[in-house]
Amino acid sequence: MNTPATLLLAVLPLVAGWVVHVRWLRRCLNTARRDPLTGLVTRDGFTRRANALLKDPRAVVVLADVDKFKQINDHFGHTAGVYC
């Protein structure tokens, strides 16, 4: 074999492993930034997204604080709180 083909065959498994690792890491980060029950982003995920959006001067971010939300979840269950 010539040198470029040998080099390609030697590097290909390393590149493939790196690609698989990057995809796995992205999945892990996405899972860590989302609430497993609702699928909504966590505070960290919200903050990152809001900071990215606020770089656009036309952007508006609305944050709602729902009173007694914990009591709704505790009384009716967390799935009911998702739909309030």
PDB file of N, CA and C in Angstrom:
ATOM      1  N   MET A   1       0.837  -1.199   0.000  1.00  0.00           N
ATOM      2  CA  MET A   1       0.000   0.000   0.000  1.00  0.00           C
ATOM      3  C   MET A   1       0.869   1.246   0.000  1.00  0.00           C
ATOM      4  N   ASN A   2       0.306   2.290  -0.532  1.00  0.00           N
ATOM      5  CA  ASN A   2       1.059   3.538  -0.513  1.00  0.00           C
ATOM      6  C   ASN A   2       0.864   4.244   0.823  1.00  0.00           C
ATOM      7  N   THR A   3       1.650   5.231   1.085  1.00  0.00           N
ATOM      8  CA  THR A   3       1.664   5.912   2.376  1.00  0.00           C
ATOM      9  C   THR A   3       0.356   6.619   2.713  1.00  0.00           C
ATOM     10  N   PRO A   4      -0.274   7.365   1.811  1.00  0.00           N
ATOM     11  CA  PRO A   4      -1.541   8.024   2.179  1.00  0.00           C
ATOM     12  C   PRO A   4      -2.639   7.028   2.561  1.00  0.00           C
ATOM     13  N   ALA A   5      -2.725   5.904   1.844  1.00  0.00           N
ATOM     14  CA  ALA A   5      -3.744   4.908   2.171  1.00  0.00           C
ATOM     15  C   ALA A   5      -3.470   4.277   3.527  1.00  0.00           C
ATOM     16  N   THR A   6      -2.216   4.004   3.825  1.00  0.00           N
ATOM     17  CA  THR A   6      -1.841   3.434   5.117  1.00  0.00           C
ATOM     18  C   THR A   6      -2.161   4.414   6.242  1.00  0.00           C
ATOM     19  N   LEU A   7      -1.851   5.651   6.020  1.00  0.00           N
ATOM     20  CA  LEU A   7      -2.149   6.678   7.017  1.00  0.00           C
ATOM     21  C   LEU A   7      -3.650   6.803   7.248  1.00  0.00           C
ATOM     22  N   LEU A   8      -4.420   6.776   6.175  1.00  0.00           N
ATOM     23  CA  LEU A   8      -5.871   6.866   6.288  1.00  0.00           C
ATOM     24  C   LEU A   8      -6.431   5.687   7.073  1.00  0.00           C
ATOM     25  N   LEU A   9      -5.952   4.492   6.781  1.00  0.00           N
ATOM     26  CA  LEU A   9      -6.424   3.299   7.500  1.00  0.00           C
ATOM     27  C   LEU A   9      -6.030   3.328   8.975  1.00  0.00           C
ATOM     28  N   ALA A  10      -4.913   3.956   9.279  1.00  0.00           N
ATOM     29  CA  ALA A  10      -4.479   4.049  10.672  1.00  0.00           C
ATOM     30  C   ALA A  10      -5.278   5.091  11.445  1.00  0.00           C
ATOM     31  N   VAL A  11      -5.667   6.186  10.781  1.00  0.00           N
ATOM     32  CA  VAL A  11      -6.346   7.291  11.453  1.00  0.00           C
ATOM     33  C   VAL A  11      -7.859   7.078  11.526  1.00  0.00           C
ATOM     34  N   LEU A  12      -8.418   6.343  10.597  1.00  0.00           N
ATOM     35  CA  LEU A  12      -9.869   6.169  10.515  1.00  0.00           C
ATOM     36  C   LEU A  12     -10.498   5.649  11.812  1.00  0.00           C
ATOM     37  N   PRO A  13      -9.960   4.616  12.469  1.00  0.00           N
ATOM     38  CA  PRO A  13     -10.579   4.173  13.732  1.00  0.00           C
ATOM     39  C   PRO A  13     -10.531   5.236  14.826  1.00  0.00           C
ATOM     40  N   LEU A  14      -9.470   6.020  14.857  1.00  0.00           N
ATOM     41  CA  LEU A  14      -9.381   7.087  15.868  1.00  0.00           C
ATOM     42  C   LEU A  14     -10.439   8.155  15.629  1.00  0.00           C
ATOM     43  N   VAL A  15     -10.628   8.541  14.391  1.00  0.00           N
ATOM     44  CA  VAL A  15     -11.633   9.558  14.056  1.00  0.00           C
ATOM     45  C   VAL A  15     -13.033   9.029  14.345  1.00  0.00           C
ATOM     46  N   ALA A  16     -13.286   7.767  13.982  1.00  0.00           N
ATOM     47  CA  ALA A  16     -14.605   7.173  14.245  1.00  0.00           C
ATOM     48  C   ALA A  16     -14.882   7.124  15.745  1.00  0.00           C
ATOM     49  N   GLY A  17     -13.882   6.752  16.532  1.00  0.00           N
ATOM     50  CA  GLY A  17     -14.055   6.718  17.988  1.00  0.00           C
ATOM     51  C   GLY A  17     -14.319   8.091  18.558  1.00  0.00           C
ATOM     52  N   TRP A  18     -13.645   9.092  18.024  1.00  0.00           N
ATOM     53  CA  TRP A  18     -13.845  10.463  18.479  1.00  0.00           C
ATOM     54  C   TRP A  18     -15.258  10.941  18.169  1.00  0.00           C
ATOM     55  N   VAL A  19     -15.745  10.627  16.978  1.00  0.00           N
ATOM     56  CA  VAL A  19     -17.104  11.025  16.584  1.00  0.00           C
ATOM     57  C   VAL A  19     -18.135  10.375  17.500  1.00  0.00           C
ATOM     58  N   VAL A  20     -17.964   9.089  17.783  1.00  0.00           N
ATOM     59  CA  VAL A  20     -18.894   8.382  18.678  1.00  0.00           C
ATOM     60  C   VAL A  20     -18.852   9.008  20.073  1.00  0.00           C
ATOM     61  N   HIS A  21     -17.671   9.342  20.549  1.00  0.00           N
ATOM     62  CA  HIS A  21     -17.533   9.948  21.882  1.00  0.00           C
ATOM     63  C   HIS A  21     -18.213  11.316  21.946  1.00  0.00           C
ATOM     64  N   VAL A  22     -18.036  12.128  20.919  1.00  0.00           N
ATOM     65  CA  VAL A  22     -18.662  13.455  20.891  1.00  0.00           C
ATOM     66  C   VAL A  22     -20.175  13.336  20.891  1.00  0.00           C
ATOM     67  N   ARG A  23     -20.728  12.410  20.129  1.00  0.00           N
ATOM     68  CA  ARG A  23     -22.190  12.216  20.111  1.00  0.00           C
ATOM     69  C   ARG A  23     -22.697  11.762  21.465  1.00  0.00           C
ATOM     70  N   TRP A  24     -21.968  10.852  22.112  1.00  0.00           N
ATOM     71  CA  TRP A  24     -22.351  10.363  23.435  1.00  0.00           C
ATOM     72  C   TRP A  24     -22.320  11.507  24.442  1.00  0.00           C
ATOM     73  N   LEU A  25     -21.271  12.319  24.379  1.00  0.00           N
ATOM     74  CA  LEU A  25     -21.147  13.439  25.302  1.00  0.00           C
ATOM     75  C   LEU A  25     -22.266  14.452  25.106  1.00  0.00           C
ATOM     76  N   ARG A  26     -22.617  14.741  23.862  1.00  0.00           N
ATOM     77  CA  ARG A  26     -23.729  15.668  23.597  1.00  0.00           C
ATOM     78  C   ARG A  26     -25.034  15.126  24.166  1.00  0.00           C
ATOM     79  N   ARG A  27     -25.271  13.820  24.013  1.00  0.00           N
ATOM     80  CA  ARG A  27     -26.481  13.212  24.573  1.00  0.00           C
ATOM     81  C   ARG A  27     -26.497  13.340  26.089  1.00  0.00           C
ATOM     82  N   CYS A  28     -25.348  13.104  26.717  1.00  0.00           N
ATOM     83  CA  CYS A  28     -25.265  13.227  28.176  1.00  0.00           C
ATOM     84  C   CYS A  28     -25.547  14.659  28.631  1.00  0.00           C
ATOM     85  N   LEU A  29     -24.977  15.628  27.937  1.00  0.00           N
ATOM     86  CA  LEU A  29     -25.207  17.032  28.302  1.00  0.00           C
ATOM     87  C   LEU A  29     -26.667  17.418  28.096  1.00  0.00           C
ATOM     88  N   ASN A  30     -27.271  16.957  27.021  1.00  0.00           N
ATOM     89  CA  ASN A  30     -28.677  17.256  26.772  1.00  0.00           C
ATOM     90  C   ASN A  30     -29.553  16.657  27.874  1.00  0.00           C
ATOM     91  N   THR A  31     -29.241  15.442  28.279  1.00  0.00           N
ATOM     92  CA  THR A  31     -29.997  14.790  29.358  1.00  0.00           C
ATOM     93  C   THR A  31     -29.826  15.554  30.664  1.00  0.00           C
ATOM     94  N   ALA A  32     -28.626  16.018  30.937  1.00  0.00           N
ATOM     95  CA  ALA A  32     -28.363  16.732  32.188  1.00  0.00           C
ATOM     96  C   ALA A  32     -29.027  18.101  32.215  1.00  0.00           C
ATOM     97  N   ARG A  33     -29.284  18.669  31.065  1.00  0.00           N
ATOM     98  CA  ARG A  33     -29.869  20.015  31.001  1.00  0.00           C
ATOM     99  C   ARG A  33     -31.379  20.005  30.862  1.00  0.00           C
ATOM    100  N   ARG A  34     -31.996  18.834  30.924  1.00  0.00           N
ATOM    101  CA  ARG A  34     -33.455  18.742  30.800  1.00  0.00           C
ATOM    102  C   ARG A  34     -34.039  17.989  31.989  1.00  0.00           C
ATOM    103  N   ASP A  35     -35.201  18.421  32.425  1.00  0.00           N
ATOM    104  CA  ASP A  35     -35.915  17.740  33.494  1.00  0.00           C
ATOM    105  C   ASP A  35     -36.464  16.428  32.943  1.00  0.00           C
ATOM    106  N   PRO A  36     -36.195  15.314  33.605  1.00  0.00           N
ATOM    107  CA  PRO A  36     -36.645  14.030  33.058  1.00  0.00           C
ATOM    108  C   PRO A  36     -38.169  13.866  33.042  1.00  0.00           C
ATOM    109  N   LEU A  37     -38.875  14.554  33.932  1.00  0.00           N
ATOM    110  CA  LEU A  37     -40.331  14.422  33.999  1.00  0.00           C
ATOM    111  C   LEU A  37     -41.033  15.238  32.917  1.00  0.00           C
ATOM    112  N   THR A  38     -40.654  16.493  32.792  1.00  0.00           N
ATOM    113  CA  THR A  38     -41.360  17.389  31.871  1.00  0.00           C
ATOM    114  C   THR A  38     -40.668  17.550  30.519  1.00  0.00           C
ATOM    115  N   GLY A  39     -39.364  17.292  30.478  1.00  0.00           N
ATOM    116  CA  GLY A  39     -38.620  17.516  29.252  1.00  0.00           C
ATOM    117  C   GLY A  39     -38.220  18.973  29.063  1.00  0.00           C
ATOM    118  N   LEU A  40     -38.598  19.824  30.018  1.00  0.00           N
ATOM    119  CA  LEU A  40     -38.234  21.241  29.946  1.00  0.00           C
ATOM    120  C   LEU A  40     -36.774  21.414  30.345  1.00  0.00           C
ATOM    121  N   VAL A  41     -36.171  22.488  29.850  1.00  0.00           N
ATOM    122  CA  VAL A  41     -34.781  22.736  30.211  1.00  0.00           C
ATOM    123  C   VAL A  41     -34.685  23.114  31.683  1.00  0.00           C
ATOM    124  N   THR A  42     -33.572  22.773  32.298  1.00  0.00           N
ATOM    125  CA  THR A  42     -33.323  23.138  33.686  1.00  0.00           C
ATOM    126  C   THR A  42     -32.933  24.607  33.756  1.00  0.00           C
ATOM    127  N   ARG A  43     -32.692  25.094  34.948  1.00  0.00           N
ATOM    128  CA  ARG A  43     -32.302  26.499  35.113  1.00  0.00           C
ATOM    129  C   ARG A  43     -31.026  26.793  34.329  1.00  0.00           C
ATOM    130  N   ASP A  44     -30.066  25.864  34.377  1.00  0.00           N
ATOM    131  CA  ASP A  44     -28.826  26.051  33.629  1.00  0.00           C
ATOM    132  C   ASP A  44     -29.101  26.112  32.128  1.00  0.00           C
ATOM    133  N   GLY A  45     -29.931  25.212  31.643  1.00  0.00           N
ATOM    134  CA  GLY A  45     -30.272  25.217  30.227  1.00  0.00           C
ATOM    135  C   GLY A  45     -31.006  26.487  29.824  1.00  0.00           C
ATOM    136  N   PHE A  46     -31.915  26.942  30.680  1.00  0.00           N
ATOM    137  CA  PHE A  46     -32.648  28.177  30.413  1.00  0.00           C
ATOM    138  C   PHE A  46     -31.694  29.367  30.367  1.00  0.00           C
ATOM    139  N   THR A  47     -30.793  29.438  31.346  1.00  0.00           N
ATOM    140  CA  THR A  47     -29.849  30.553  31.411  1.00  0.00           C
ATOM    141  C   THR A  47     -28.958  30.592  30.175  1.00  0.00           C
ATOM    142  N   ARG A  48     -28.471  29.432  29.758  1.00  0.00           N
ATOM    143  CA  ARG A  48     -27.628  29.387  28.561  1.00  0.00           C
ATOM    144  C   ARG A  48     -28.405  29.854  27.330  1.00  0.00           C
ATOM    145  N   ARG A  49     -29.617  29.362  27.184  1.00  0.00           N
ATOM    146  CA  ARG A  49     -30.427  29.730  26.014  1.00  0.00           C
ATOM    147  C   ARG A  49     -30.816  31.208  26.060  1.00  0.00           C
ATOM    148  N   ALA A  50     -31.195  31.698  27.240  1.00  0.00           N
ATOM    149  CA  ALA A  50     -31.575  33.106  27.371  1.00  0.00           C
ATOM    150  C   ALA A  50     -30.396  34.015  27.046  1.00  0.00           C
ATOM    151  N   ASN A  51     -29.212  33.681  27.528  1.00  0.00           N
ATOM    152  CA  ASN A  51     -28.030  34.497  27.226  1.00  0.00           C
ATOM    153  C   ASN A  51     -27.742  34.514  25.729  1.00  0.00           C
ATOM    154  N   ALA A  52     -27.914  33.377  25.078  1.00  0.00           N
ATOM    155  CA  ALA A  52     -27.692  33.323  23.631  1.00  0.00           C
ATOM    156  C   ALA A  52     -28.737  34.172  22.899  1.00  0.00           C
ATOM    157  N   LEU A  53     -29.994  34.075  23.324  1.00  0.00           N
ATOM    158  CA  LEU A  53     -31.055  34.836  22.664  1.00  0.00           C
ATOM    159  C   LEU A  53     -30.944  36.334  22.911  1.00  0.00           C
ATOM    160  N   LEU A  54     -30.497  36.711  24.086  1.00  0.00           N
ATOM    161  CA  LEU A  54     -30.433  38.130  24.424  1.00  0.00           C
ATOM    162  C   LEU A  54     -29.342  38.876  23.664  1.00  0.00           C
ATOM    163  N   LYS A  55     -28.506  38.176  22.940  1.00  0.00           N
ATOM    164  CA  LYS A  55     -27.521  38.858  22.096  1.00  0.00           C
ATOM    165  C   LYS A  55     -28.204  39.534  20.910  1.00  0.00           C
ATOM    166  N   ASP A  56     -29.413  39.089  20.595  1.00  0.00           N
ATOM    167  CA  ASP A  56     -30.209  39.714  19.534  1.00  0.00           C
ATOM    168  C   ASP A  56     -30.986  40.873  20.171  1.00  0.00           C
ATOM    169  N   PRO A  57     -30.820  42.091  19.692  1.00  0.00           N
ATOM    170  CA  PRO A  57     -31.496  43.241  20.322  1.00  0.00           C
ATOM    171  C   PRO A  57     -33.024  43.172  20.238  1.00  0.00           C
ATOM    172  N   ARG A  58     -33.560  42.341  19.368  1.00  0.00           N
ATOM    173  CA  ARG A  58     -35.022  42.215  19.260  1.00  0.00           C
ATOM    174  C   ARG A  58     -35.590  41.177  20.215  1.00  0.00           C
ATOM    175  N   ALA A  59     -34.741  40.477  20.936  1.00  0.00           N
ATOM    176  CA  ALA A  59     -35.172  39.358  21.770  1.00  0.00           C
ATOM    177  C   ALA A  59     -35.874  39.815  23.047  1.00  0.00           C
ATOM    178  N   VAL A  60     -36.827  39.008  23.482  1.00  0.00           N
ATOM    179  CA  VAL A  60     -37.529  39.221  24.738  1.00  0.00           C
ATOM    180  C   VAL A  60     -37.599  37.877  25.450  1.00  0.00           C
ATOM    181  N   VAL A  61     -37.267  37.863  26.729  1.00  0.00           N
ATOM    182  CA  VAL A  61     -37.363  36.648  27.524  1.00  0.00           C
ATOM    183  C   VAL A  61     -38.372  36.896  28.629  1.00  0.00           C
ATOM    184  N   VAL A  62     -39.350  36.012  28.752  1.00  0.00           N
ATOM    185  CA  VAL A  62     -40.379  36.136  29.782  1.00  0.00           C
ATOM    186  C   VAL A  62     -40.188  35.005  30.770  1.00  0.00           C
ATOM    187  N   LEU A  63     -40.105  35.348  32.040  1.00  0.00           N
ATOM    188  CA  LEU A  63     -39.956  34.367  33.108  1.00  0.00           C
ATOM    189  C   LEU A  63     -41.178  34.485  34.010  1.00  0.00           C
ATOM    190  N   ALA A  64     -41.917  33.396  34.152  1.00  0.00           N
ATOM    191  CA  ALA A  64     -43.132  33.410  34.975  1.00  0.00           C
ATOM    192  C   ALA A  64     -42.879  32.659  36.280  1.00  0.00           C
ATOM    193  N   ASP A  65     -43.240  33.262  37.363  1.00  0.00           N
ATOM    194  CA  ASP A  65     -43.140  32.631  38.678  1.00  0.00           C
ATOM    195  C   ASP A  65     -44.562  32.288  39.108  1.00  0.00           C
ATOM    196  N   VAL A  66     -44.910  31.018  39.100  1.00  0.00           N
ATOM    197  CA  VAL A  66     -46.264  30.581  39.412  1.00  0.00           C
ATOM    198  C   VAL A  66     -46.366  30.348  40.917  1.00  0.00           C
ATOM    199  N   ASP A  67     -47.266  31.088  41.556  1.00  0.00           N
ATOM    200  CA  ASP A  67     -47.466  30.938  42.996  1.00  0.00           C
ATOM    201  C   ASP A  67     -48.069  29.579  43.320  1.00  0.00           C
ATOM    202  N   LYS A  68     -47.617  29.009  44.399  1.00  0.00           N
ATOM    203  CA  LYS A  68     -48.130  27.750  44.940  1.00  0.00           C
ATOM    204  C   LYS A  68     -47.984  26.574  43.962  1.00  0.00           C
ATOM    205  N   PHE A  69     -47.021  26.647  43.056  1.00  0.00           N
ATOM    206  CA  PHE A  69     -46.807  25.575  42.081  1.00  0.00           C
ATOM    207  C   PHE A  69     -46.413  24.285  42.787  1.00  0.00           C
ATOM    208  N   LYS A  70     -45.608  24.383  43.846  1.00  0.00           N
ATOM    209  CA  LYS A  70     -45.210  23.200  44.597  1.00  0.00           C
ATOM    210  C   LYS A  70     -46.424  22.538  45.239  1.00  0.00           C
ATOM    211  N   GLN A  71     -47.344  23.332  45.737  1.00  0.00           N
ATOM    212  CA  GLN A  71     -48.541  22.761  46.362  1.00  0.00           C
ATOM    213  C   GLN A  71     -49.405  22.042  45.328  1.00  0.00           C
ATOM    214  N   ILE A  72     -49.489  22.568  44.122  1.00  0.00           N
ATOM    215  CA  ILE A  72     -50.234  21.886  43.054  1.00  0.00           C
ATOM    216  C   ILE A  72     -49.596  20.543  42.764  1.00  0.00           C
ATOM    217  N   ASN A  73     -48.275  20.528  42.633  1.00  0.00           N
ATOM    218  CA  ASN A  73     -47.577  19.274  42.376  1.00  0.00           C
ATOM    219  C   ASN A  73     -47.750  18.284  43.523  1.00  0.00           C
ATOM    220  N   ASP A  74     -47.638  18.774  44.766  1.00  0.00           N
ATOM    221  CA  ASP A  74     -47.758  17.883  45.913  1.00  0.00           C
ATOM    222  C   ASP A  74     -49.164  17.319  46.060  1.00  0.00           C
ATOM    223  N   HIS A  75     -50.178  18.112  45.749  1.00  0.00           N
ATOM    224  CA  HIS A  75     -51.551  17.672  45.936  1.00  0.00           C
ATOM    225  C   HIS A  75     -52.048  16.803  44.774  1.00  0.00           C
ATOM    226  N   PHE A  76     -51.812  17.236  43.546  1.00  0.00           N
ATOM    227  CA  PHE A  76     -52.353  16.545  42.372  1.00  0.00           C
ATOM    228  C   PHE A  76     -51.339  15.642  41.675  1.00  0.00           C
ATOM    229  N   GLY A  77     -50.079  15.724  42.091  1.00  0.00           N
ATOM    230  CA  GLY A  77     -49.034  14.942  41.430  1.00  0.00           C
ATOM    231  C   GLY A  77     -48.294  15.803  40.425  1.00  0.00           C
ATOM    232  N   HIS A  78     -47.076  15.409  40.148  1.00  0.00           N
ATOM    233  CA  HIS A  78     -46.235  16.217  39.264  1.00  0.00           C
ATOM    234  C   HIS A  78     -46.771  16.291  37.842  1.00  0.00           C
ATOM    235  N   THR A  79     -47.463  15.272  37.383  1.00  0.00           N
ATOM    236  CA  THR A  79     -47.980  15.324  36.028  1.00  0.00           C
ATOM    237  C   THR A  79     -49.074  16.374  35.903  1.00  0.00           C
ATOM    238  N   ALA A  80     -49.850  16.621  36.975  1.00  0.00           N
ATOM    239  CA  ALA A  80     -50.865  17.656  36.932  1.00  0.00           C
ATOM    240  C   ALA A  80     -50.226  19.032  36.880  1.00  0.00           C
ATOM    241  N   GLY A  81     -49.112  19.202  37.575  1.00  0.00           N
ATOM    242  CA  GLY A  81     -48.417  20.492  37.598  1.00  0.00           C
ATOM    243  C   GLY A  81     -47.877  20.868  36.233  1.00  0.00           C
ATOM    244  N   VAL A  82     -47.574  19.885  35.420  1.00  0.00           N
ATOM    245  CA  VAL A  82     -47.062  20.159  34.076  1.00  0.00           C
ATOM    246  C   VAL A  82     -48.118  20.846  33.233  1.00  0.00           C
ATOM    247  N   TYR A  83     -49.394  20.528  33.454  1.00  0.00           N
ATOM    248  CA  TYR A  83     -50.465  21.037  32.621  1.00  0.00           C
ATOM    249  C   TYR A  83     -51.161  22.261  33.187  1.00  0.00           C
ATOM    250  N   CYS A  84     -50.705  22.776  34.329  1.00  0.00           N
ATOM    251  CA  CYS A  84     -51.329  23.963  34.909  1.00  0.00           C
ATOM    252  C   CYS A  84     -50.960  25.205  34.157  1.00  0.00           C
TER     253      CYS A  84
END
